[in-house]
Amino acid sequence: MGVGIGYAGFKGVEDYRGGKDIFDRQFHSSQINLTDGLATATNITMGEGSQQQPLATIKGAPVTFVNRIDKDELKIDIRTDLYKPLYLKIDKLMRNKT
């Protein structure tokens, strides 16, 4: 499973809110985590387990290069987090086990 654990030199999130989709409809909540997306893409090349490919290079990635990253851009407000109900349910289940 590819997961981005760090990044530098490019924007980690592409924010489409306020823009238009291919049908000319306005985006209201679409953001893409480029860091995890790129990590997942490299996982296909690197493989898992016995493939033993420890490094992958991505060329031509659709990223915006920056001199300074925004350390808060990957933070998700808990009020808008799609996974919040799941976290609350797991928390409740775990508390009931003790």
C-alpha atoms as a PDB file:
ATOM      1  CA  MET A   1       0.000   0.000   0.000  1.00  0.00           C
ATOM      2  CA  GLY A   2       1.523   3.315  -1.044  1.00  0.00           C
ATOM      3  CA  VAL A   3       1.329   6.100   1.521  1.00  0.00           C
ATOM      4  CA  GLY A   4       3.141   9.443   1.405  1.00  0.00           C
ATOM      5  CA  ILE A   5       5.069  10.010   4.642  1.00  0.00           C
ATOM      6  CA  GLY A   6       6.660  13.264   3.571  1.00  0.00           C
ATOM      7  CA  TYR A   7       7.091  15.629   0.653  1.00  0.00           C
ATOM      8  CA  ALA A   8       8.950  18.790  -0.317  1.00  0.00           C
ATOM      9  CA  GLY A   9       9.164  21.154  -3.263  1.00  0.00           C
ATOM     10  CA  PHE A  10       5.574  20.848  -4.487  1.00  0.00           C
ATOM     11  CA  LYS A  11       2.045  21.542  -3.287  1.00  0.00           C
ATOM     12  CA  GLY A  12       0.771  18.424  -1.523  1.00  0.00           C
ATOM     13  CA  VAL A  13      -2.901  19.213  -2.167  1.00  0.00           C
ATOM     14  CA  GLU A  14      -4.621  20.285  -5.368  1.00  0.00           C
ATOM     15  CA  ASP A  15      -7.747  22.261  -4.516  1.00  0.00           C
ATOM     16  CA  TYR A  16     -10.486  22.262  -7.144  1.00  0.00           C
ATOM     17  CA  ARG A  17     -13.137  23.994  -5.024  1.00  0.00           C
ATOM     18  CA  GLY A  18     -14.722  26.846  -6.971  1.00  0.00           C
ATOM     19  CA  GLY A  19     -13.452  25.465 -10.297  1.00  0.00           C
ATOM     20  CA  LYS A  20     -15.461  23.703 -13.004  1.00  0.00           C
ATOM     21  CA  ASP A  21     -15.653  20.028 -13.945  1.00  0.00           C
ATOM     22  CA  ILE A  22     -15.799  18.708 -17.524  1.00  0.00           C
ATOM     23  CA  PHE A  23     -19.563  19.314 -17.580  1.00  0.00           C
ATOM     24  CA  ASP A  24     -19.129  22.954 -16.504  1.00  0.00           C
ATOM     25  CA  ARG A  25     -20.517  22.270 -13.030  1.00  0.00           C
ATOM     26  CA  GLN A  26     -18.855  23.956 -10.065  1.00  0.00           C
ATOM     27  CA  PHE A  27     -16.795  21.901  -7.626  1.00  0.00           C
ATOM     28  CA  HIS A  28     -17.821  22.394  -4.011  1.00  0.00           C
ATOM     29  CA  SER A  29     -15.597  20.009  -2.069  1.00  0.00           C
ATOM     30  CA  SER A  30     -13.026  18.386  -4.347  1.00  0.00           C
ATOM     31  CA  GLN A  31      -9.436  18.318  -3.148  1.00  0.00           C
ATOM     32  CA  ILE A  32      -6.785  15.790  -4.159  1.00  0.00           C
ATOM     33  CA  ASN A  33      -3.998  14.633  -1.856  1.00  0.00           C
ATOM     34  CA  LEU A  34      -1.178  14.530  -4.406  1.00  0.00           C
ATOM     35  CA  THR A  35       1.331  13.213  -1.890  1.00  0.00           C
ATOM     36  CA  ASP A  36      -0.574   9.982  -1.251  1.00  0.00           C
ATOM     37  CA  GLY A  37      -1.626   9.725  -4.901  1.00  0.00           C
ATOM     38  CA  LEU A  38       1.977   9.809  -6.099  1.00  0.00           C
ATOM     39  CA  ALA A  39       3.009   7.314  -3.408  1.00  0.00           C
ATOM     40  CA  THR A  40       0.244   4.956  -4.505  1.00  0.00           C
ATOM     41  CA  ALA A  41       1.271   5.269  -8.164  1.00  0.00           C
ATOM     42  CA  THR A  42       4.878   4.360  -7.360  1.00  0.00           C
ATOM     43  CA  ASN A  43       3.668   1.306  -5.475  1.00  0.00           C
ATOM     44  CA  ILE A  44       2.670  -0.220  -8.826  1.00  0.00           C
ATOM     45  CA  THR A  45       6.262   0.028 -10.066  1.00  0.00           C
ATOM     46  CA  MET A  46       7.951  -0.867  -6.794  1.00  0.00           C
ATOM     47  CA  GLY A  47       5.669  -3.773  -5.996  1.00  0.00           C
ATOM     48  CA  GLU A  48       5.273  -5.379  -2.611  1.00  0.00           C
ATOM     49  CA  GLY A  49       6.996  -8.275  -0.941  1.00  0.00           C
ATOM     50  CA  SER A  50       9.474 -10.143  -3.114  1.00  0.00           C
ATOM     51  CA  GLN A  51       9.670  -7.566  -5.953  1.00  0.00           C
ATOM     52  CA  GLN A  52      12.445  -5.793  -3.995  1.00  0.00           C
ATOM     53  CA  GLN A  53      12.320  -2.539  -5.976  1.00  0.00           C
ATOM     54  CA  PRO A  54      13.209   0.007  -3.247  1.00  0.00           C
ATOM     55  CA  LEU A  55      12.960   3.198  -5.316  1.00  0.00           C
ATOM     56  CA  ALA A  56      10.806   4.667  -8.068  1.00  0.00           C
ATOM     57  CA  THR A  57      11.176   7.906 -10.031  1.00  0.00           C
ATOM     58  CA  ILE A  58       8.147   9.846 -11.229  1.00  0.00           C
ATOM     59  CA  LYS A  59       8.584  12.042 -14.300  1.00  0.00           C
ATOM     60  CA  GLY A  60       6.025  14.537 -15.567  1.00  0.00           C
ATOM     61  CA  ALA A  61       3.831  14.463 -12.459  1.00  0.00           C
ATOM     62  CA  PRO A  62       1.053  17.085 -12.542  1.00  0.00           C
ATOM     63  CA  VAL A  63       2.305  19.039  -9.534  1.00  0.00           C
ATOM     64  CA  THR A  64       2.866  22.702  -8.784  1.00  0.00           C
ATOM     65  CA  PHE A  65       6.423  23.316  -7.632  1.00  0.00           C
ATOM     66  CA  VAL A  66       6.902  25.729  -4.741  1.00  0.00           C
ATOM     67  CA  ASN A  67       9.833  27.085  -2.752  1.00  0.00           C
ATOM     68  CA  ARG A  68       8.030  26.680   0.554  1.00  0.00           C
ATOM     69  CA  ILE A  69       5.346  24.175   1.517  1.00  0.00           C
ATOM     70  CA  ASP A  70       2.296  24.932   3.626  1.00  0.00           C
ATOM     71  CA  LYS A  71       2.680  22.680   6.673  1.00  0.00           C
ATOM     72  CA  ASP A  72      -1.076  22.783   7.292  1.00  0.00           C
ATOM     73  CA  GLU A  73      -2.317  21.932   3.783  1.00  0.00           C
ATOM     74  CA  LEU A  74      -2.780  18.222   4.495  1.00  0.00           C
ATOM     75  CA  LYS A  75      -4.642  18.776   7.765  1.00  0.00           C
ATOM     76  CA  ILE A  76      -8.343  17.944   7.620  1.00  0.00           C
ATOM     77  CA  ASP A  77     -10.860  19.818   9.719  1.00  0.00           C
ATOM     78  CA  ILE A  78     -12.641  17.208  11.844  1.00  0.00           C
ATOM     79  CA  ARG A  79     -15.965  18.944  11.159  1.00  0.00           C
ATOM     80  CA  THR A  80     -15.689  18.123   7.446  1.00  0.00           C
ATOM     81  CA  ASP A  81     -13.819  14.800   7.680  1.00  0.00           C
ATOM     82  CA  LEU A  82     -15.701  12.061   5.802  1.00  0.00           C
ATOM     83  CA  TYR A  83     -14.227   9.446   8.133  1.00  0.00           C
ATOM     84  CA  LYS A  84     -15.352  11.122  11.371  1.00  0.00           C
ATOM     85  CA  PRO A  85     -18.445   8.872  11.789  1.00  0.00           C
ATOM     86  CA  LEU A  86     -16.259   5.791  11.353  1.00  0.00           C
ATOM     87  CA  TYR A  87     -13.716   7.053  13.905  1.00  0.00           C
ATOM     88  CA  LEU A  88     -16.499   7.758  16.396  1.00  0.00           C
ATOM     89  CA  LYS A  89     -17.973   4.293  15.904  1.00  0.00           C
ATOM     90  CA  ILE A  90     -14.593   2.609  16.389  1.00  0.00           C
ATOM     91  CA  ASP A  91     -13.940   4.735  19.468  1.00  0.00           C
ATOM     92  CA  LYS A  92     -17.291   3.702  20.930  1.00  0.00           C
ATOM     93  CA  LEU A  93     -16.628   0.016  20.218  1.00  0.00           C
ATOM     94  CA  MET A  94     -13.179   0.203  21.797  1.00  0.00           C
ATOM     95  CA  ARG A  95     -14.503   1.919  24.910  1.00  0.00           C
ATOM     96  CA  ASN A  96     -17.172  -0.771  25.325  1.00  0.00           C
ATOM     97  CA  LYS A  97     -14.508  -3.512  25.283  1.00  0.00           C
ATOM     98  CA  THR A  98     -12.826  -2.243  28.425  1.00  0.00           C
END
